[in-house]
C-alpha atoms as a PDB file:
ATOM      1  CA  UNK A   1      49.454  51.544 166.026  1.00  0.00           C
ATOM      2  CA  UNK A   2      52.622  53.380 166.912  1.00  0.00           C
ATOM      3  CA  UNK A   3      55.884  51.490 166.702  1.00  0.00           C
ATOM      4  CA  UNK A   4      58.681  52.807 168.820  1.00  0.00           C
ATOM      5  CA  UNK A   5      62.086  51.847 167.518  1.00  0.00           C
ATOM      6  CA  UNK A   6      65.033  51.933 169.803  1.00  0.00           C
ATOM      7  CA  UNK A   7      68.348  52.722 168.236  1.00  0.00           C
ATOM      8  CA  UNK A   8      71.250  50.859 169.628  1.00  0.00           C
ATOM      9  CA  UNK A   9      73.933  53.226 170.793  1.00  0.00           C
ATOM     10  CA  UNK A  10      77.491  52.378 169.974  1.00  0.00           C
ATOM     11  CA  UNK A  11      79.722  51.599 172.901  1.00  0.00           C
ATOM     12  CA  UNK A  12      82.350  54.192 173.724  1.00  0.00           C
ATOM     13  CA  UNK A  13      85.021  51.920 172.271  1.00  0.00           C
ATOM     14  CA  UNK A  14      83.069  51.492 169.020  1.00  0.00           C
ATOM     15  CA  UNK A  15      82.530  55.269 168.836  1.00  0.00           C
ATOM     16  CA  UNK A  16      86.279  55.858 169.274  1.00  0.00           C
ATOM     17  CA  UNK A  17      87.147  53.301 166.590  1.00  0.00           C
ATOM     18  CA  UNK A  18      84.591  54.739 164.178  1.00  0.00           C
ATOM     19  CA  UNK A  19      85.800  58.308 164.755  1.00  0.00           C
ATOM     20  CA  UNK A  20      89.425  57.348 164.384  1.00  0.00           C
ATOM     21  CA  UNK A  21      88.728  55.440 161.148  1.00  0.00           C
ATOM     22  CA  UNK A  22      86.739  58.358 159.746  1.00  0.00           C
ATOM     23  CA  UNK A  23      89.571  60.801 160.475  1.00  0.00           C
ATOM     24  CA  UNK A  24      92.181  58.472 158.977  1.00  0.00           C
ATOM     25  CA  UNK A  25      90.161  57.965 155.801  1.00  0.00           C
ATOM     26  CA  UNK A  26      89.630  61.704 155.482  1.00  0.00           C
ATOM     27  CA  UNK A  27      93.349  62.334 156.025  1.00  0.00           C
ATOM     28  CA  UNK A  28      94.282  59.917 153.234  1.00  0.00           C
ATOM     29  CA  UNK A  29      91.986  61.779 150.871  1.00  0.00           C
ATOM     30  CA  UNK A  30      93.264  65.234 151.820  1.00  0.00           C
ATOM     31  CA  UNK A  31      96.912  64.094 151.771  1.00  0.00           C
ATOM     32  CA  UNK A  32      96.283  62.754 148.255  1.00  0.00           C
ATOM     33  CA  UNK A  33      94.990  66.106 147.048  1.00  0.00           C
ATOM     34  CA  UNK A  34      97.079  68.629 148.955  1.00  0.00           C
ATOM     35  CA  UNK A  35     100.132  66.739 150.144  1.00  0.00           C
ATOM     36  CA  UNK A  36     101.145  66.094 153.732  1.00  0.00           C
ATOM     37  CA  UNK A  37     102.920  69.403 154.366  1.00  0.00           C
ATOM     38  CA  UNK A  38     100.127  71.546 152.882  1.00  0.00           C
ATOM     39  CA  UNK A  39      97.379  69.706 154.754  1.00  0.00           C
ATOM     40  CA  UNK A  40      96.293  71.241 158.039  1.00  0.00           C
ATOM     41  CA  UNK A  41      94.545  69.523 160.914  1.00  0.00           C
ATOM     42  CA  UNK A  42      91.617  71.796 160.093  1.00  0.00           C
ATOM     43  CA  UNK A  43      91.523  70.408 156.520  1.00  0.00           C
ATOM     44  CA  UNK A  44      91.315  66.861 157.881  1.00  0.00           C
ATOM     45  CA  UNK A  45      88.616  67.819 160.394  1.00  0.00           C
ATOM     46  CA  UNK A  46      86.545  69.530 157.708  1.00  0.00           C
ATOM     47  CA  UNK A  47      86.788  66.477 155.422  1.00  0.00           C
ATOM     48  CA  UNK A  48      85.829  64.114 158.265  1.00  0.00           C
ATOM     49  CA  UNK A  49      83.145  66.319 159.814  1.00  0.00           C
ATOM     50  CA  UNK A  50      84.988  66.554 163.138  1.00  0.00           C
ATOM     51  CA  UNK A  51      86.161  69.384 165.350  1.00  0.00           C
ATOM     52  CA  UNK A  52      89.821  69.990 166.142  1.00  0.00           C
ATOM     53  CA  UNK A  53      89.072  68.742 169.651  1.00  0.00           C
ATOM     54  CA  UNK A  54      87.777  65.496 168.133  1.00  0.00           C
ATOM     55  CA  UNK A  55      90.961  65.203 166.081  1.00  0.00           C
ATOM     56  CA  UNK A  56      93.223  65.771 169.094  1.00  0.00           C
ATOM     57  CA  UNK A  57      91.195  63.263 171.113  1.00  0.00           C
ATOM     58  CA  UNK A  58      92.429  60.616 168.666  1.00  0.00           C
ATOM     59  CA  UNK A  59      95.845  61.930 167.561  1.00  0.00           C
ATOM     60  CA  UNK A  60      98.622  64.137 168.946  1.00  0.00           C
ATOM     61  CA  UNK A  61      99.047  65.741 165.522  1.00  0.00           C
ATOM     62  CA  UNK A  62      99.528  65.022 161.823  1.00  0.00           C
ATOM     63  CA  UNK A  63     102.752  63.058 162.408  1.00  0.00           C
ATOM     64  CA  UNK A  64     100.969  60.843 164.916  1.00  0.00           C
ATOM     65  CA  UNK A  65      98.156  60.290 162.422  1.00  0.00           C
ATOM     66  CA  UNK A  66     100.678  59.359 159.718  1.00  0.00           C
ATOM     67  CA  UNK A  67     102.329  56.863 162.079  1.00  0.00           C
ATOM     68  CA  UNK A  68      98.935  55.286 162.801  1.00  0.00           C
ATOM     69  CA  UNK A  69      98.233  55.059 159.057  1.00  0.00           C
ATOM     70  CA  UNK A  70     101.503  53.179 158.587  1.00  0.00           C
ATOM     71  CA  UNK A  71     100.776  50.912 161.563  1.00  0.00           C
ATOM     72  CA  UNK A  72      97.324  50.070 160.214  1.00  0.00           C
ATOM     73  CA  UNK A  73      98.804  49.385 156.810  1.00  0.00           C
ATOM     74  CA  UNK A  74     101.194  46.957 158.517  1.00  0.00           C
ATOM     75  CA  UNK A  75      98.270  45.170 160.135  1.00  0.00           C
ATOM     76  CA  UNK A  76      96.789  44.704 156.673  1.00  0.00           C
ATOM     77  CA  UNK A  77     100.205  43.457 155.480  1.00  0.00           C
ATOM     78  CA  UNK A  78     100.582  46.108 152.824  1.00  0.00           C
ATOM     79  CA  UNK A  79     101.096  49.807 152.644  1.00  0.00           C
ATOM     80  CA  UNK A  80      98.203  51.856 151.359  1.00  0.00           C
ATOM     81  CA  UNK A  81      98.347  51.540 147.611  1.00  0.00           C
ATOM     82  CA  UNK A  82      95.064  50.130 146.393  1.00  0.00           C
ATOM     83  CA  UNK A  83      92.985  53.193 145.679  1.00  0.00           C
ATOM     84  CA  UNK A  84      95.825  55.490 146.694  1.00  0.00           C
ATOM     85  CA  UNK A  85      97.209  57.973 144.278  1.00  0.00           C
ATOM     86  CA  UNK A  86     100.875  58.016 143.274  1.00  0.00           C
ATOM     87  CA  UNK A  87     101.044  61.472 144.846  1.00  0.00           C
ATOM     88  CA  UNK A  88      99.968  60.030 148.195  1.00  0.00           C
ATOM     89  CA  UNK A  89     102.635  57.347 148.017  1.00  0.00           C
ATOM     90  CA  UNK A  90     105.248  60.002 147.215  1.00  0.00           C
ATOM     91  CA  UNK A  91     104.044  61.975 150.241  1.00  0.00           C
ATOM     92  CA  UNK A  92     104.478  58.932 152.439  1.00  0.00           C
ATOM     93  CA  UNK A  93     108.004  58.331 151.163  1.00  0.00           C
ATOM     94  CA  UNK A  94     108.979  61.979 151.579  1.00  0.00           C
ATOM     95  CA  UNK A  95     107.889  61.837 155.220  1.00  0.00           C
ATOM     96  CA  UNK A  96     109.812  58.587 155.690  1.00  0.00           C
ATOM     97  CA  UNK A  97     112.925  60.363 154.383  1.00  0.00           C
ATOM     98  CA  UNK A  98     112.451  63.336 156.743  1.00  0.00           C
ATOM     99  CA  UNK A  99     111.189  61.810 159.990  1.00  0.00           C
ATOM    100  CA  UNK A 100     113.171  59.268 161.973  1.00  0.00           C
ATOM    101  CA  UNK A 101     110.209  57.834 163.899  1.00  0.00           C
ATOM    102  CA  UNK A 102     108.253  57.216 160.697  1.00  0.00           C
ATOM    103  CA  UNK A 103     111.340  55.695 159.046  1.00  0.00           C
ATOM    104  CA  UNK A 104     111.851  53.372 162.045  1.00  0.00           C
ATOM    105  CA  UNK A 105     108.229  52.262 162.023  1.00  0.00           C
ATOM    106  CA  UNK A 106     108.257  51.576 158.299  1.00  0.00           C
ATOM    107  CA  UNK A 107     111.540  49.683 158.625  1.00  0.00           C
ATOM    108  CA  UNK A 108     110.008  47.487 161.342  1.00  0.00           C
ATOM    109  CA  UNK A 109     106.967  46.916 159.147  1.00  0.00           C
ATOM    110  CA  UNK A 110     109.101  45.757 156.208  1.00  0.00           C
ATOM    111  CA  UNK A 111     111.210  43.510 158.467  1.00  0.00           C
ATOM    112  CA  UNK A 112     108.011  41.870 159.716  1.00  0.00           C
ATOM    113  CA  UNK A 113     106.764  41.411 156.151  1.00  0.00           C
ATOM    114  CA  UNK A 114     110.083  39.817 155.137  1.00  0.00           C
ATOM    115  CA  UNK A 115     109.777  37.313 157.997  1.00  0.00           C
ATOM    116  CA  UNK A 116     106.229  36.443 156.858  1.00  0.00           C
ATOM    117  CA  UNK A 117     107.393  35.898 153.278  1.00  0.00           C
ATOM    118  CA  UNK A 118     110.364  33.774 154.388  1.00  0.00           C
ATOM    119  CA  UNK A 119     107.956  31.543 156.322  1.00  0.00           C
ATOM    120  CA  UNK A 120     105.747  31.238 153.234  1.00  0.00           C
ATOM    121  CA  UNK A 121     108.792  30.360 151.099  1.00  0.00           C
ATOM    122  CA  UNK A 122     109.725  27.571 153.528  1.00  0.00           C
ATOM    123  CA  UNK A 123     106.171  26.247 153.304  1.00  0.00           C
ATOM    124  CA  UNK A 124     106.360  26.217 149.498  1.00  0.00           C
ATOM    125  CA  UNK A 125     109.611  24.199 149.620  1.00  0.00           C
ATOM    126  CA  UNK A 126     107.978  21.650 151.930  1.00  0.00           C
ATOM    127  CA  UNK A 127     104.911  21.387 149.706  1.00  0.00           C
ATOM    128  CA  UNK A 128     107.072  20.881 146.613  1.00  0.00           C
ATOM    129  CA  UNK A 129     108.920  18.082 148.398  1.00  0.00           C
ATOM    130  CA  UNK A 130     105.610  16.518 149.427  1.00  0.00           C
ATOM    131  CA  UNK A 131     104.330  16.746 145.853  1.00  0.00           C
ATOM    132  CA  UNK A 132     107.468  15.058 144.517  1.00  0.00           C
ATOM    133  CA  UNK A 133     107.200  12.368 147.200  1.00  0.00           C
ATOM    134  CA  UNK A 134     103.609  11.635 146.227  1.00  0.00           C
ATOM    135  CA  UNK A 135     104.603  11.300 142.574  1.00  0.00           C
ATOM    136  CA  UNK A 136     107.383   8.860 143.520  1.00  0.00           C
ATOM    137  CA  UNK A 137     105.032   6.823 145.724  1.00  0.00           C
ATOM    138  CA  UNK A 138     102.508   6.590 142.937  1.00  0.00           C
ATOM    139  CA  UNK A 139     105.153   5.404 140.479  1.00  0.00           C
ATOM    140  CA  UNK A 140     107.000   2.888 142.638  1.00  0.00           C
ATOM    141  CA  UNK A 141     104.461   1.630 145.182  1.00  0.00           C
ATOM    142  CA  UNK A 142     104.107  -2.198 145.221  1.00  0.00           C
ATOM    143  CA  UNK A 143     100.307  -1.850 145.116  1.00  0.00           C
ATOM    144  CA  UNK A 144      98.341   0.799 143.255  1.00  0.00           C
ATOM    145  CA  UNK A 145      97.909   3.906 145.392  1.00  0.00           C
ATOM    146  CA  UNK A 146      95.264   6.558 145.020  1.00  0.00           C
ATOM    147  CA  UNK A 147      97.448   9.605 145.661  1.00  0.00           C
ATOM    148  CA  UNK A 148      95.430  11.814 143.328  1.00  0.00           C
ATOM    149  CA  UNK A 149      93.393  13.459 146.151  1.00  0.00           C
ATOM    150  CA  UNK A 150      96.582  14.234 148.078  1.00  0.00           C
ATOM    151  CA  UNK A 151      98.328  15.500 144.941  1.00  0.00           C
ATOM    152  CA  UNK A 152      95.337  17.679 144.170  1.00  0.00           C
ATOM    153  CA  UNK A 153      95.388  19.129 147.697  1.00  0.00           C
ATOM    154  CA  UNK A 154      99.126  19.850 147.503  1.00  0.00           C
ATOM    155  CA  UNK A 155      98.613  21.439 144.088  1.00  0.00           C
ATOM    156  CA  UNK A 156      95.846  23.646 145.449  1.00  0.00           C
ATOM    157  CA  UNK A 157      98.035  24.737 148.369  1.00  0.00           C
ATOM    158  CA  UNK A 158     100.905  25.532 146.012  1.00  0.00           C
ATOM    159  CA  UNK A 159      98.582  27.458 143.717  1.00  0.00           C
ATOM    160  CA  UNK A 160      97.477  29.562 146.677  1.00  0.00           C
ATOM    161  CA  UNK A 161     100.990  30.175 148.010  1.00  0.00           C
ATOM    162  CA  UNK A 162     103.033  30.364 144.821  1.00  0.00           C
ATOM    163  CA  UNK A 163     100.922  30.417 141.653  1.00  0.00           C
ATOM    164  CA  UNK A 164     103.982  30.354 139.387  1.00  0.00           C
ATOM    165  CA  UNK A 165     105.083  27.006 140.864  1.00  0.00           C
ATOM    166  CA  UNK A 166     101.757  25.145 140.889  1.00  0.00           C
ATOM    167  CA  UNK A 167     101.689  21.877 138.971  1.00  0.00           C
ATOM    168  CA  UNK A 168      98.496  19.921 138.375  1.00  0.00           C
ATOM    169  CA  UNK A 169      98.244  16.306 139.478  1.00  0.00           C
ATOM    170  CA  UNK A 170      98.899  15.186 135.898  1.00  0.00           C
ATOM    171  CA  UNK A 171     102.292  16.927 135.962  1.00  0.00           C
ATOM    172  CA  UNK A 172     101.301  19.841 133.726  1.00  0.00           C
ATOM    173  CA  UNK A 173     101.407  23.440 134.826  1.00  0.00           C
ATOM    174  CA  UNK A 174      98.038  24.595 136.144  1.00  0.00           C
ATOM    175  CA  UNK A 175      95.969  26.913 133.974  1.00  0.00           C
ATOM    176  CA  UNK A 176      96.424  30.562 134.915  1.00  0.00           C
ATOM    177  CA  UNK A 177     100.051  30.153 135.894  1.00  0.00           C
ATOM    178  CA  UNK A 178     103.023  31.265 133.928  1.00  0.00           C
ATOM    179  CA  UNK A 179     105.145  28.806 132.063  1.00  0.00           C
END
C-alpha cells in the first residue's frame, strides 16, 4: 500500500514572515560576532541561507533591518538582551548614537515602555489600598467576614505586579520577596 502525503504549503504571508524572521535572527548572530559596521548584507544572507535578492525583498538595507529589530524588540517590551552578547548591545547603542532615525525609534520605544510601567505602578497603588481596606474590614466589621479569599487574590496580584511589595494574607511578607 502506497501512502501519498501532501505537504501543506505555507501561505505567501507565512513565507514572508518566516523569511524575515530567519534573516533577522541571522543578522543578530552576525552582528554579535562581527559588529554592525563590519557586517555585510552578504554575511547576513550567507548565515540565513538567502540570496541578496531575498534580503532586499524584506529590507531596504542593514539600517532598515536594524530598525525592524528595534521595533520587534519593542513589541516584546524589551530590547534584545536575553541571549544577546554585550558586544551586540554595544553595537546597538553605537548605531543609536550615530543614526537619528534609530535614535528616534528607540526613544519612542522607551517612552511607550515608561507609560506601561506608570500604568502598572498605578495598579499597584490601587491594589495596596484594596488590601489595606480588606484588612480594616476584617478587623472592624460588625459580623465576622471571610475576607481571606479576597486578601489572597490581592496578594497574588501584588506578587505578580510588584514582588517586593507583596504581603501575605497573614500580614507577613510573602516568601521569595525581599524584606
